Amino acid sequence: MEAQQGLPEQVSADIPWQRICLACGVIVLEALAARLLELGNADQLLISGVRCFVQLSFLGCILAPIFETRHPCLVLCYIFGFMILVSAHEAAARPKVTYPGIFSSAALSMGSALLLNGFLLLVIVQPEPWYNAQYMIPMAGMLINNSLSGTALALNSMIDYLHSNKEQVEVLLTFGATPWEAAWPGFVKSIQAALIPAINGMNVVGLVSIPGMM
């Protein structure tokens, strides 16, 4: 299909180092403000900023061979063997109180969600071939990013409820309640917290999110 006349050709532009440093300066200012306000997360902001910079710097080196090879095993290994595991580690590292197996629980939850939603998305988009890295990796990244936010919020909310209401849960178990019944109020709160980003995103997807990515 020929390009429409009168529309300028889209050309990617390199960002100078000076502007990149300016963007990094914003994170430094946020960390300084967090330290002055004694929020307790100034170090996390700086570490996240450094990790973001390193990841974006090496992103091209990692993805270029995958896009050139166009092999389904390589694409799926990158998605499930790298993206899911890294995201699960990040989700499991957020709660202040943890439990044995939290990483495997996060990985199983995010992997299952990706399989279901990814299959539906492939049926809708129908790329050719289905393992086309140009479509598979960006779509998987968007799904995993949303799943990461929801999983981290749900884990943090559920663990916080069980930790702060330990005596109440133990009393319910003593009187014959099943573990599911004893933890049900916390489960409801965790699901409500996990759905907040998704609901907010859907409320403005056509007015803010999509135009912002164009």
N, C-alpha and C. Protein backbone atom coordinates (compact mmCIF):
# COMPACT_ATOMS: atom_id res chain seq x y z
N MET A 1 0.85 -1.19 0.00
CA MET A 1 0.00 0.00 0.00
C MET A 1 0.88 1.25 0.00
N GLU A 2 0.59 2.14 -0.92
CA GLU A 2 1.40 3.34 -1.03
C GLU A 2 1.08 4.29 0.11
N ALA A 3 2.13 5.02 0.53
CA ALA A 3 1.94 5.98 1.61
C ALA A 3 1.09 7.13 1.12
N GLN A 4 0.26 7.66 1.97
CA GLN A 4 -0.59 8.77 1.59
C GLN A 4 0.24 10.00 1.32
N GLN A 5 -0.15 10.72 0.28
CA GLN A 5 0.59 11.92 -0.09
C GLN A 5 0.33 13.01 0.93
N GLY A 6 1.36 13.77 1.16
CA GLY A 6 1.23 14.90 2.08
C GLY A 6 1.61 14.57 3.51
N LEU A 7 1.79 13.25 3.82
CA LEU A 7 2.19 12.86 5.16
C LEU A 7 3.70 12.75 5.22
N PRO A 8 4.34 13.36 6.19
CA PRO A 8 5.80 13.29 6.28
C PRO A 8 6.26 11.88 6.65
N GLU A 9 7.39 11.49 6.13
CA GLU A 9 7.95 10.18 6.43
C GLU A 9 8.47 10.15 7.86
N GLN A 10 8.10 9.10 8.60
CA GLN A 10 8.50 8.97 9.98
C GLN A 10 9.93 8.44 10.04
N VAL A 11 10.80 9.18 10.69
CA VAL A 11 12.20 8.80 10.81
C VAL A 11 12.58 8.86 12.28
N SER A 12 13.17 7.77 12.76
CA SER A 12 13.61 7.77 14.16
C SER A 12 14.81 8.68 14.33
N ALA A 13 14.87 9.34 15.46
CA ALA A 13 15.94 10.29 15.73
C ALA A 13 16.72 9.85 16.96
N ASP A 14 18.03 10.02 16.90
CA ASP A 14 18.88 9.71 18.04
C ASP A 14 18.78 10.83 19.07
N ILE A 15 18.78 10.45 20.34
CA ILE A 15 18.70 11.41 21.43
C ILE A 15 20.11 11.69 21.93
N PRO A 16 20.54 12.95 21.93
CA PRO A 16 21.90 13.27 22.41
C PRO A 16 22.09 12.91 23.87
N TRP A 17 23.35 12.69 24.25
CA TRP A 17 23.67 12.33 25.63
C TRP A 17 23.27 13.42 26.61
N GLN A 18 23.31 14.67 26.16
CA GLN A 18 22.95 15.76 27.06
C GLN A 18 21.49 15.64 27.51
N ARG A 19 20.62 15.27 26.59
CA ARG A 19 19.21 15.13 26.93
C ARG A 19 18.97 13.89 27.80
N ILE A 20 19.75 12.84 27.57
CA ILE A 20 19.64 11.65 28.41
C ILE A 20 20.05 11.99 29.84
N CYS A 21 21.12 12.76 29.99
CA CYS A 21 21.55 13.18 31.32
C CYS A 21 20.49 14.05 31.99
N LEU A 22 19.80 14.85 31.19
CA LEU A 22 18.72 15.67 31.74
C LEU A 22 17.60 14.78 32.30
N ALA A 23 17.27 13.72 31.56
CA ALA A 23 16.25 12.80 32.04
C ALA A 23 16.71 12.09 33.31
N CYS A 24 17.99 11.73 33.38
CA CYS A 24 18.52 11.10 34.59
C CYS A 24 18.50 12.08 35.77
N GLY A 25 18.69 13.37 35.46
CA GLY A 25 18.66 14.38 36.52
C GLY A 25 17.31 14.45 37.20
N VAL A 26 16.24 14.18 36.45
CA VAL A 26 14.90 14.20 37.04
C VAL A 26 14.79 13.12 38.12
N ILE A 27 15.34 11.93 37.84
CA ILE A 27 15.30 10.84 38.82
C ILE A 27 16.11 11.21 40.05
N VAL A 28 17.26 11.85 39.84
CA VAL A 28 18.08 12.27 40.97
C VAL A 28 17.33 13.28 41.84
N LEU A 29 16.65 14.22 41.21
CA LEU A 29 15.86 15.20 41.96
C LEU A 29 14.73 14.52 42.74
N GLU A 30 14.10 13.53 42.13
CA GLU A 30 13.05 12.79 42.84
C GLU A 30 13.62 12.07 44.05
N ALA A 31 14.80 11.47 43.89
CA ALA A 31 15.43 10.78 45.01
C ALA A 31 15.80 11.76 46.13
N LEU A 32 16.30 12.94 45.76
CA LEU A 32 16.63 13.95 46.77
C LEU A 32 15.37 14.41 47.51
N ALA A 33 14.29 14.61 46.76
CA ALA A 33 13.03 15.00 47.40
C ALA A 33 12.53 13.91 48.34
N ALA A 34 12.66 12.65 47.91
CA ALA A 34 12.23 11.54 48.77
C ALA A 34 13.07 11.46 50.04
N ARG A 35 14.37 11.76 49.93
CA ARG A 35 15.23 11.74 51.12
C ARG A 35 14.91 12.90 52.05
N LEU A 36 14.65 14.08 51.48
CA LEU A 36 14.31 15.23 52.32
C LEU A 36 12.98 15.03 53.04
N LEU A 37 12.04 14.38 52.37
CA LEU A 37 10.74 14.12 52.97
C LEU A 37 10.73 12.85 53.82
N GLU A 38 11.89 12.16 53.86
CA GLU A 38 12.03 10.94 54.66
C GLU A 38 10.98 9.90 54.29
N LEU A 39 10.83 9.69 52.96
CA LEU A 39 9.87 8.70 52.48
C LEU A 39 10.40 7.28 52.58
N GLY A 40 11.71 7.14 52.65
CA GLY A 40 12.30 5.81 52.80
C GLY A 40 12.53 5.05 51.51
N ASN A 41 12.28 5.68 50.37
CA ASN A 41 12.47 4.97 49.09
C ASN A 41 13.41 5.71 48.15
N ALA A 42 14.25 6.60 48.69
CA ALA A 42 15.18 7.34 47.84
C ALA A 42 16.18 6.40 47.17
N ASP A 43 16.70 5.42 47.93
CA ASP A 43 17.65 4.47 47.36
C ASP A 43 16.99 3.63 46.27
N GLN A 44 15.73 3.24 46.48
CA GLN A 44 15.03 2.45 45.47
C GLN A 44 14.86 3.23 44.18
N LEU A 45 14.59 4.54 44.29
CA LEU A 45 14.46 5.37 43.09
C LEU A 45 15.77 5.42 42.30
N LEU A 46 16.88 5.60 43.01
CA LEU A 46 18.17 5.67 42.34
C LEU A 46 18.55 4.33 41.71
N ILE A 47 18.34 3.25 42.44
CA ILE A 47 18.66 1.92 41.91
C ILE A 47 17.80 1.60 40.70
N SER A 48 16.51 1.93 40.78
CA SER A 48 15.61 1.69 39.64
C SER A 48 16.03 2.52 38.43
N GLY A 49 16.46 3.76 38.67
CA GLY A 49 16.91 4.60 37.57
C GLY A 49 18.15 4.04 36.89
N VAL A 50 19.10 3.54 37.69
CA VAL A 50 20.32 2.96 37.13
C VAL A 50 19.99 1.69 36.34
N ARG A 51 19.11 0.86 36.91
CA ARG A 51 18.71 -0.37 36.21
C ARG A 51 18.00 -0.05 34.90
N CYS A 52 17.15 0.96 34.92
CA CYS A 52 16.44 1.37 33.71
C CYS A 52 17.43 1.82 32.64
N PHE A 53 18.42 2.61 33.04
CA PHE A 53 19.42 3.11 32.09
C PHE A 53 20.22 1.96 31.48
N VAL A 54 20.65 1.03 32.33
CA VAL A 54 21.45 -0.10 31.84
C VAL A 54 20.62 -0.98 30.91
N GLN A 55 19.38 -1.25 31.29
CA GLN A 55 18.52 -2.11 30.47
C GLN A 55 18.26 -1.50 29.10
N LEU A 56 17.95 -0.21 29.06
CA LEU A 56 17.69 0.44 27.78
C LEU A 56 18.95 0.52 26.93
N SER A 57 20.12 0.63 27.59
CA SER A 57 21.37 0.71 26.84
C SER A 57 21.69 -0.61 26.14
N PHE A 58 21.38 -1.72 26.79
CA PHE A 58 21.70 -3.04 26.23
C PHE A 58 20.52 -3.68 25.51
N LEU A 59 19.38 -2.99 25.46
CA LEU A 59 18.20 -3.58 24.86
C LEU A 59 18.42 -3.95 23.39
N GLY A 60 19.02 -3.03 22.65
CA GLY A 60 19.26 -3.29 21.23
C GLY A 60 20.17 -4.47 21.00
N CYS A 61 21.20 -4.61 21.85
CA CYS A 61 22.15 -5.72 21.70
C CYS A 61 21.48 -7.06 21.95
N ILE A 62 20.47 -7.07 22.82
CA ILE A 62 19.79 -8.32 23.14
C ILE A 62 18.74 -8.67 22.09
N LEU A 63 17.98 -7.68 21.66
CA LEU A 63 16.86 -7.95 20.77
C LEU A 63 17.27 -8.09 19.30
N ALA A 64 18.35 -7.44 18.90
CA ALA A 64 18.75 -7.48 17.49
C ALA A 64 18.94 -8.91 16.98
N PRO A 65 19.70 -9.79 17.68
CA PRO A 65 19.83 -11.17 17.17
C PRO A 65 18.50 -11.92 17.12
N ILE A 66 17.60 -11.66 18.08
CA ILE A 66 16.31 -12.34 18.10
C ILE A 66 15.48 -11.93 16.91
N PHE A 67 15.46 -10.64 16.60
CA PHE A 67 14.69 -10.15 15.46
C PHE A 67 15.28 -10.65 14.14
N GLU A 68 16.59 -10.81 14.07
CA GLU A 68 17.23 -11.26 12.84
C GLU A 68 17.05 -12.77 12.64
N THR A 69 17.12 -13.54 13.74
CA THR A 69 17.02 -15.00 13.62
C THR A 69 15.61 -15.45 13.27
N ARG A 70 14.61 -14.84 13.92
CA ARG A 70 13.19 -15.16 13.68
C ARG A 70 12.91 -16.64 13.89
N HIS A 71 13.41 -17.18 15.00
CA HIS A 71 13.16 -18.58 15.33
C HIS A 71 12.20 -18.63 16.52
N PRO A 72 11.14 -19.47 16.45
CA PRO A 72 10.14 -19.49 17.52
C PRO A 72 10.71 -19.87 18.87
N CYS A 73 11.64 -20.83 18.91
CA CYS A 73 12.22 -21.24 20.18
C CYS A 73 12.97 -20.10 20.85
N LEU A 74 13.69 -19.33 20.07
CA LEU A 74 14.44 -18.21 20.62
C LEU A 74 13.51 -17.14 21.17
N VAL A 75 12.43 -16.88 20.43
CA VAL A 75 11.46 -15.87 20.88
C VAL A 75 10.78 -16.32 22.16
N LEU A 76 10.32 -17.57 22.21
CA LEU A 76 9.63 -18.07 23.40
C LEU A 76 10.56 -18.19 24.59
N CYS A 77 11.81 -18.58 24.36
CA CYS A 77 12.78 -18.66 25.46
C CYS A 77 13.05 -17.28 26.04
N TYR A 78 13.11 -16.27 25.19
CA TYR A 78 13.34 -14.92 25.70
C TYR A 78 12.15 -14.44 26.53
N ILE A 79 10.93 -14.76 26.06
CA ILE A 79 9.73 -14.30 26.76
C ILE A 79 9.55 -15.04 28.09
N PHE A 80 9.56 -16.39 28.04
CA PHE A 80 9.27 -17.17 29.25
C PHE A 80 10.51 -17.46 30.09
N GLY A 81 11.67 -17.49 29.47
CA GLY A 81 12.88 -17.79 30.22
C GLY A 81 13.61 -16.57 30.73
N PHE A 82 13.22 -15.40 30.26
CA PHE A 82 13.89 -14.18 30.71
C PHE A 82 12.91 -13.14 31.22
N MET A 83 11.96 -12.75 30.36
CA MET A 83 11.03 -11.68 30.74
C MET A 83 10.17 -12.07 31.93
N ILE A 84 9.62 -13.28 31.90
CA ILE A 84 8.76 -13.74 32.99
C ILE A 84 9.55 -13.88 34.29
N LEU A 85 10.75 -14.47 34.21
CA LEU A 85 11.54 -14.71 35.42
C LEU A 85 12.00 -13.39 36.04
N VAL A 86 12.42 -12.45 35.20
CA VAL A 86 12.85 -11.15 35.74
C VAL A 86 11.67 -10.42 36.37
N SER A 87 10.51 -10.45 35.71
CA SER A 87 9.33 -9.79 36.25
C SER A 87 8.86 -10.45 37.54
N ALA A 88 8.91 -11.78 37.59
CA ALA A 88 8.51 -12.49 38.81
C ALA A 88 9.44 -12.16 39.97
N HIS A 89 10.72 -12.06 39.68
CA HIS A 89 11.68 -11.66 40.73
C HIS A 89 11.38 -10.26 41.23
N GLU A 90 11.04 -9.36 40.33
CA GLU A 90 10.72 -7.98 40.72
C GLU A 90 9.45 -7.94 41.55
N ALA A 91 8.43 -8.70 41.15
CA ALA A 91 7.18 -8.72 41.92
C ALA A 91 7.38 -9.33 43.30
N ALA A 92 8.21 -10.38 43.39
CA ALA A 92 8.44 -11.03 44.67
C ALA A 92 9.33 -10.21 45.59
N ALA A 93 10.08 -9.27 45.03
CA ALA A 93 10.99 -8.46 45.86
C ALA A 93 10.32 -7.25 46.46
N ARG A 94 9.11 -6.91 46.02
CA ARG A 94 8.44 -5.71 46.52
C ARG A 94 7.90 -5.83 47.93
N PRO A 95 7.21 -6.93 48.30
CA PRO A 95 6.67 -7.01 49.67
C PRO A 95 7.79 -7.00 50.71
N LYS A 96 7.55 -6.30 51.82
CA LYS A 96 8.53 -6.25 52.90
C LYS A 96 8.56 -7.56 53.67
N VAL A 97 7.43 -8.25 53.74
CA VAL A 97 7.35 -9.56 54.39
C VAL A 97 7.15 -10.61 53.29
N THR A 98 7.98 -11.62 53.28
CA THR A 98 7.91 -12.64 52.24
C THR A 98 7.66 -14.01 52.86
N TYR A 99 7.57 -15.02 52.01
CA TYR A 99 7.37 -16.39 52.45
C TYR A 99 8.09 -17.32 51.46
N PRO A 100 8.46 -18.52 51.88
CA PRO A 100 9.14 -19.45 50.97
C PRO A 100 8.25 -19.77 49.77
N GLY A 101 8.82 -19.68 48.59
CA GLY A 101 8.06 -19.99 47.38
C GLY A 101 7.36 -18.80 46.77
N ILE A 102 7.63 -17.58 47.26
CA ILE A 102 6.94 -16.41 46.71
C ILE A 102 7.35 -16.16 45.25
N PHE A 103 8.62 -16.47 44.93
CA PHE A 103 9.07 -16.27 43.55
C PHE A 103 8.37 -17.24 42.60
N SER A 104 8.29 -18.51 42.99
CA SER A 104 7.63 -19.49 42.12
C SER A 104 6.15 -19.18 41.97
N SER A 105 5.52 -18.68 43.04
CA SER A 105 4.11 -18.30 42.95
C SER A 105 3.91 -17.15 41.97
N ALA A 106 4.79 -16.15 42.05
CA ALA A 106 4.69 -15.01 41.14
C ALA A 106 4.96 -15.43 39.70
N ALA A 107 5.96 -16.29 39.50
CA ALA A 107 6.28 -16.75 38.14
C ALA A 107 5.13 -17.58 37.56
N LEU A 108 4.54 -18.45 38.38
CA LEU A 108 3.42 -19.27 37.90
C LEU A 108 2.21 -18.40 37.56
N SER A 109 1.93 -17.43 38.41
CA SER A 109 0.79 -16.55 38.17
C SER A 109 0.98 -15.74 36.89
N MET A 110 2.14 -15.14 36.73
CA MET A 110 2.39 -14.30 35.56
C MET A 110 2.51 -15.13 34.30
N GLY A 111 3.12 -16.32 34.39
CA GLY A 111 3.23 -17.18 33.23
C GLY A 111 1.89 -17.68 32.75
N SER A 112 1.01 -18.06 33.69
CA SER A 112 -0.33 -18.52 33.32
C SER A 112 -1.14 -17.41 32.68
N ALA A 113 -1.04 -16.20 33.26
CA ALA A 113 -1.77 -15.07 32.69
C ALA A 113 -1.26 -14.74 31.29
N LEU A 114 0.05 -14.84 31.08
CA LEU A 114 0.60 -14.56 29.76
C LEU A 114 0.15 -15.59 28.74
N LEU A 115 0.10 -16.87 29.12
CA LEU A 115 -0.33 -17.91 28.20
C LEU A 115 -1.77 -17.68 27.75
N LEU A 116 -2.65 -17.38 28.70
CA LEU A 116 -4.06 -17.20 28.36
C LEU A 116 -4.27 -15.94 27.54
N ASN A 117 -3.81 -14.80 28.06
CA ASN A 117 -4.02 -13.53 27.36
C ASN A 117 -3.22 -13.45 26.07
N GLY A 118 -2.01 -14.05 26.07
CA GLY A 118 -1.21 -14.05 24.85
C GLY A 118 -1.86 -14.84 23.74
N PHE A 119 -2.46 -15.99 24.08
CA PHE A 119 -3.16 -16.80 23.07
C PHE A 119 -4.34 -16.02 22.49
N LEU A 120 -5.12 -15.37 23.35
CA LEU A 120 -6.26 -14.58 22.88
C LEU A 120 -5.78 -13.43 21.99
N LEU A 121 -4.68 -12.80 22.40
CA LEU A 121 -4.17 -11.67 21.62
C LEU A 121 -3.66 -12.13 20.26
N LEU A 122 -3.03 -13.31 20.21
CA LEU A 122 -2.56 -13.84 18.93
C LEU A 122 -3.73 -14.18 18.01
N VAL A 123 -4.82 -14.70 18.59
CA VAL A 123 -6.01 -15.00 17.79
C VAL A 123 -6.59 -13.71 17.21
N ILE A 124 -6.55 -12.64 17.98
CA ILE A 124 -7.12 -11.37 17.52
C ILE A 124 -6.22 -10.70 16.49
N VAL A 125 -4.91 -10.60 16.78
CA VAL A 125 -3.98 -9.88 15.89
C VAL A 125 -3.61 -10.73 14.69
N GLN A 126 -3.37 -12.04 14.91
CA GLN A 126 -2.99 -12.99 13.86
C GLN A 126 -1.78 -12.53 13.05
N PRO A 127 -0.61 -12.41 13.70
CA PRO A 127 0.60 -12.05 12.94
C PRO A 127 1.07 -13.20 12.08
N GLU A 128 1.80 -12.89 11.05
CA GLU A 128 2.34 -13.91 10.14
C GLU A 128 3.87 -13.78 10.08
N PRO A 129 4.58 -14.83 10.50
CA PRO A 129 4.09 -16.02 11.21
C PRO A 129 3.71 -15.68 12.65
N TRP A 130 3.11 -16.63 13.36
CA TRP A 130 2.61 -16.34 14.70
C TRP A 130 3.72 -16.00 15.68
N TYR A 131 4.94 -16.49 15.42
CA TYR A 131 6.06 -16.23 16.33
C TYR A 131 6.89 -15.02 15.90
N ASN A 132 6.33 -14.18 15.05
CA ASN A 132 7.04 -12.99 14.59
C ASN A 132 7.46 -12.15 15.79
N ALA A 133 8.76 -12.00 15.98
CA ALA A 133 9.28 -11.28 17.15
C ALA A 133 8.84 -9.83 17.17
N GLN A 134 8.60 -9.25 16.00
CA GLN A 134 8.16 -7.86 15.92
C GLN A 134 6.82 -7.66 16.62
N TYR A 135 5.99 -8.69 16.65
CA TYR A 135 4.70 -8.62 17.33
C TYR A 135 4.73 -9.32 18.69
N MET A 136 5.35 -10.49 18.75
CA MET A 136 5.30 -11.31 19.95
C MET A 136 5.94 -10.62 21.15
N ILE A 137 7.14 -10.10 20.97
CA ILE A 137 7.87 -9.52 22.10
C ILE A 137 7.20 -8.24 22.62
N PRO A 138 6.81 -7.29 21.75
CA PRO A 138 6.10 -6.10 22.29
C PRO A 138 4.78 -6.45 22.96
N MET A 139 3.99 -7.38 22.37
CA MET A 139 2.73 -7.74 22.99
C MET A 139 2.96 -8.45 24.32
N ALA A 140 3.94 -9.35 24.37
CA ALA A 140 4.26 -10.02 25.63
C ALA A 140 4.75 -9.02 26.67
N GLY A 141 5.53 -8.05 26.23
CA GLY A 141 6.02 -7.04 27.16
C GLY A 141 4.90 -6.22 27.77
N MET A 142 3.90 -5.84 26.96
CA MET A 142 2.77 -5.08 27.50
C MET A 142 1.95 -5.92 28.47
N LEU A 143 1.72 -7.20 28.12
CA LEU A 143 0.95 -8.07 29.01
C LEU A 143 1.70 -8.33 30.31
N ILE A 144 3.00 -8.59 30.21
CA ILE A 144 3.79 -8.87 31.41
C ILE A 144 3.89 -7.63 32.29
N ASN A 145 4.00 -6.46 31.68
CA ASN A 145 4.09 -5.23 32.47
C ASN A 145 2.81 -5.01 33.28
N ASN A 146 1.66 -5.21 32.63
CA ASN A 146 0.39 -5.09 33.36
C ASN A 146 0.28 -6.16 34.44
N SER A 147 0.70 -7.38 34.11
CA SER A 147 0.65 -8.46 35.08
C SER A 147 1.60 -8.20 36.25
N LEU A 148 2.75 -7.61 35.98
CA LEU A 148 3.70 -7.29 37.04
C LEU A 148 3.11 -6.32 38.04
N SER A 149 2.46 -5.28 37.55
CA SER A 149 1.85 -4.29 38.44
C SER A 149 0.78 -4.94 39.30
N GLY A 150 -0.10 -5.73 38.68
CA GLY A 150 -1.16 -6.37 39.43
C GLY A 150 -0.66 -7.40 40.42
N THR A 151 0.33 -8.21 40.00
CA THR A 151 0.87 -9.24 40.88
C THR A 151 1.58 -8.63 42.08
N ALA A 152 2.38 -7.58 41.85
CA ALA A 152 3.09 -6.94 42.95
C ALA A 152 2.12 -6.33 43.96
N LEU A 153 1.07 -5.67 43.46
CA LEU A 153 0.08 -5.07 44.36
C LEU A 153 -0.68 -6.14 45.13
N ALA A 154 -1.06 -7.21 44.43
CA ALA A 154 -1.81 -8.28 45.09
C ALA A 154 -0.98 -8.98 46.15
N LEU A 155 0.26 -9.29 45.84
CA LEU A 155 1.13 -9.94 46.81
C LEU A 155 1.35 -9.06 48.04
N ASN A 156 1.66 -7.79 47.78
CA ASN A 156 1.92 -6.89 48.89
C ASN A 156 0.69 -6.72 49.78
N SER A 157 -0.49 -6.58 49.16
CA SER A 157 -1.72 -6.40 49.92
C SER A 157 -2.08 -7.66 50.70
N MET A 158 -1.96 -8.83 50.08
CA MET A 158 -2.32 -10.07 50.75
C MET A 158 -1.38 -10.37 51.91
N ILE A 159 -0.09 -10.24 51.67
CA ILE A 159 0.87 -10.52 52.74
C ILE A 159 0.73 -9.52 53.87
N ASP A 160 0.48 -8.26 53.54
CA ASP A 160 0.29 -7.25 54.58
C ASP A 160 -0.94 -7.57 55.42
N TYR A 161 -2.01 -8.03 54.78
CA TYR A 161 -3.22 -8.39 55.53
C TYR A 161 -2.96 -9.57 56.47
N LEU A 162 -2.32 -10.60 55.97
CA LEU A 162 -2.05 -11.77 56.80
C LEU A 162 -1.10 -11.43 57.94
N HIS A 163 -0.16 -10.54 57.69
CA HIS A 163 0.82 -10.17 58.72
C HIS A 163 0.18 -9.29 59.80
N SER A 164 -0.65 -8.34 59.39
CA SER A 164 -1.25 -7.41 60.35
C SER A 164 -2.49 -7.99 61.04
N ASN A 165 -3.10 -9.02 60.45
CA ASN A 165 -4.28 -9.65 61.05
C ASN A 165 -4.00 -11.11 61.42
N LYS A 166 -2.80 -11.35 61.87
CA LYS A 166 -2.38 -12.72 62.18
C LYS A 166 -3.27 -13.34 63.26
N GLU A 167 -3.54 -12.58 64.33
CA GLU A 167 -4.35 -13.12 65.43
C GLU A 167 -5.77 -13.44 64.97
N GLN A 168 -6.36 -12.56 64.16
CA GLN A 168 -7.72 -12.80 63.67
C GLN A 168 -7.79 -14.04 62.81
N VAL A 169 -6.82 -14.21 61.92
CA VAL A 169 -6.79 -15.39 61.06
C VAL A 169 -6.61 -16.66 61.89
N GLU A 170 -5.75 -16.62 62.91
CA GLU A 170 -5.53 -17.79 63.75
C GLU A 170 -6.79 -18.14 64.53
N VAL A 171 -7.54 -17.14 65.00
CA VAL A 171 -8.79 -17.40 65.71
C VAL A 171 -9.80 -18.08 64.80
N LEU A 172 -9.91 -17.60 63.56
CA LEU A 172 -10.84 -18.21 62.61
C LEU A 172 -10.45 -19.65 62.32
N LEU A 173 -9.16 -19.92 62.19
CA LEU A 173 -8.72 -21.29 61.95
C LEU A 173 -8.99 -22.18 63.16
N THR A 174 -8.84 -21.60 64.35
CA THR A 174 -9.09 -22.36 65.57
C THR A 174 -10.56 -22.79 65.67
N PHE A 175 -11.46 -21.93 65.21
CA PHE A 175 -12.89 -22.23 65.29
C PHE A 175 -13.39 -23.03 64.09
N GLY A 176 -12.48 -23.57 63.31
CA GLY A 176 -12.88 -24.50 62.27
C GLY A 176 -12.95 -23.93 60.87
N ALA A 177 -12.58 -22.67 60.67
CA ALA A 177 -12.59 -22.08 59.33
C ALA A 177 -11.47 -22.69 58.49
N THR A 178 -11.74 -22.85 57.22
CA THR A 178 -10.70 -23.31 56.30
C THR A 178 -9.72 -22.17 56.03
N PRO A 179 -8.49 -22.49 55.59
CA PRO A 179 -7.55 -21.41 55.25
C PRO A 179 -8.12 -20.43 54.23
N TRP A 180 -8.89 -20.93 53.30
CA TRP A 180 -9.51 -20.06 52.29
C TRP A 180 -10.50 -19.10 52.93
N GLU A 181 -11.32 -19.61 53.84
CA GLU A 181 -12.31 -18.76 54.52
C GLU A 181 -11.63 -17.75 55.43
N ALA A 182 -10.58 -18.15 56.12
CA ALA A 182 -9.89 -17.25 57.04
C ALA A 182 -9.19 -16.12 56.30
N ALA A 183 -8.70 -16.40 55.11
CA ALA A 183 -7.95 -15.39 54.35
C ALA A 183 -8.81 -14.66 53.33
N TRP A 184 -10.10 -14.99 53.27
CA TRP A 184 -10.97 -14.41 52.24
C TRP A 184 -11.02 -12.88 52.24
N PRO A 185 -11.16 -12.19 53.39
CA PRO A 185 -11.17 -10.72 53.35
C PRO A 185 -9.89 -10.13 52.77
N GLY A 186 -8.76 -10.74 53.11
CA GLY A 186 -7.50 -10.27 52.53
C GLY A 186 -7.41 -10.53 51.05
N PHE A 187 -7.96 -11.66 50.62
CA PHE A 187 -7.98 -11.98 49.20
C PHE A 187 -8.78 -10.94 48.42
N VAL A 188 -9.95 -10.56 48.96
CA VAL A 188 -10.78 -9.56 48.30
C VAL A 188 -10.04 -8.23 48.19
N LYS A 189 -9.39 -7.81 49.28
CA LYS A 189 -8.65 -6.54 49.26
C LYS A 189 -7.48 -6.59 48.28
N SER A 190 -6.80 -7.73 48.20
CA SER A 190 -5.66 -7.84 47.29
C SER A 190 -6.10 -7.78 45.83
N ILE A 191 -7.23 -8.43 45.50
CA ILE A 191 -7.74 -8.38 44.14
C ILE A 191 -8.18 -6.97 43.78
N GLN A 192 -8.84 -6.29 44.72
CA GLN A 192 -9.25 -4.91 44.49
C GLN A 192 -8.04 -4.02 44.23
N ALA A 193 -6.98 -4.21 45.01
CA ALA A 193 -5.77 -3.40 44.82
C ALA A 193 -5.10 -3.72 43.49
N ALA A 194 -5.09 -5.01 43.11
CA ALA A 194 -4.43 -5.41 41.86
C ALA A 194 -5.15 -4.88 40.63
N LEU A 195 -6.46 -4.68 40.73
CA LEU A 195 -7.25 -4.23 39.57
C LEU A 195 -7.22 -2.72 39.40
N ILE A 196 -6.72 -1.99 40.37
CA ILE A 196 -6.72 -0.52 40.26
C ILE A 196 -5.97 -0.03 39.02
N PRO A 197 -4.71 -0.49 38.75
CA PRO A 197 -4.02 -0.01 37.54
C PRO A 197 -4.75 -0.37 36.25
N ALA A 198 -5.32 -1.59 36.19
CA ALA A 198 -6.03 -2.01 34.98
C ALA A 198 -7.28 -1.17 34.75
N ILE A 199 -8.03 -0.90 35.81
CA ILE A 199 -9.25 -0.09 35.68
C ILE A 199 -8.91 1.34 35.29
N ASN A 200 -7.90 1.91 35.93
CA ASN A 200 -7.49 3.26 35.58
C ASN A 200 -7.00 3.35 34.14
N GLY A 201 -6.26 2.32 33.70
CA GLY A 201 -5.77 2.31 32.33
C GLY A 201 -6.89 2.22 31.31
N MET A 202 -7.88 1.35 31.58
CA MET A 202 -8.99 1.22 30.64
C MET A 202 -9.85 2.47 30.59
N ASN A 203 -9.91 3.20 31.69
CA ASN A 203 -10.72 4.42 31.70
C ASN A 203 -10.18 5.51 30.78
N VAL A 204 -8.86 5.48 30.51
CA VAL A 204 -8.27 6.56 29.70
C VAL A 204 -7.49 6.00 28.51
N VAL A 205 -7.71 4.72 28.16
CA VAL A 205 -6.89 4.11 27.11
C VAL A 205 -7.08 4.81 25.77
N GLY A 206 -8.30 5.24 25.45
CA GLY A 206 -8.52 5.89 24.16
C GLY A 206 -8.20 7.36 24.14
N LEU A 207 -8.07 7.97 25.32
CA LEU A 207 -7.83 9.41 25.39
C LEU A 207 -6.40 9.75 25.75
N VAL A 208 -5.74 8.85 26.48
CA VAL A 208 -4.39 9.15 26.98
C VAL A 208 -3.38 8.10 26.53
N SER A 209 -3.64 6.82 26.83
CA SER A 209 -2.64 5.78 26.61
C SER A 209 -2.27 5.61 25.15
N ILE A 210 -3.26 5.36 24.28
CA ILE A 210 -2.98 5.13 22.86
C ILE A 210 -2.40 6.37 22.19
N PRO A 211 -3.00 7.57 22.37
CA PRO A 211 -2.36 8.76 21.77
C PRO A 211 -0.94 8.99 22.28
N GLY A 212 -0.69 8.62 23.54
CA GLY A 212 0.65 8.80 24.07
C GLY A 212 1.69 7.89 23.45
N MET A 213 1.26 6.75 22.86
CA MET A 213 2.20 5.81 22.22
C MET A 213 2.32 6.06 20.73
N MET A 214 1.53 6.97 20.18
CA MET A 214 1.56 7.20 18.72
C MET A 214 2.74 8.10 18.35
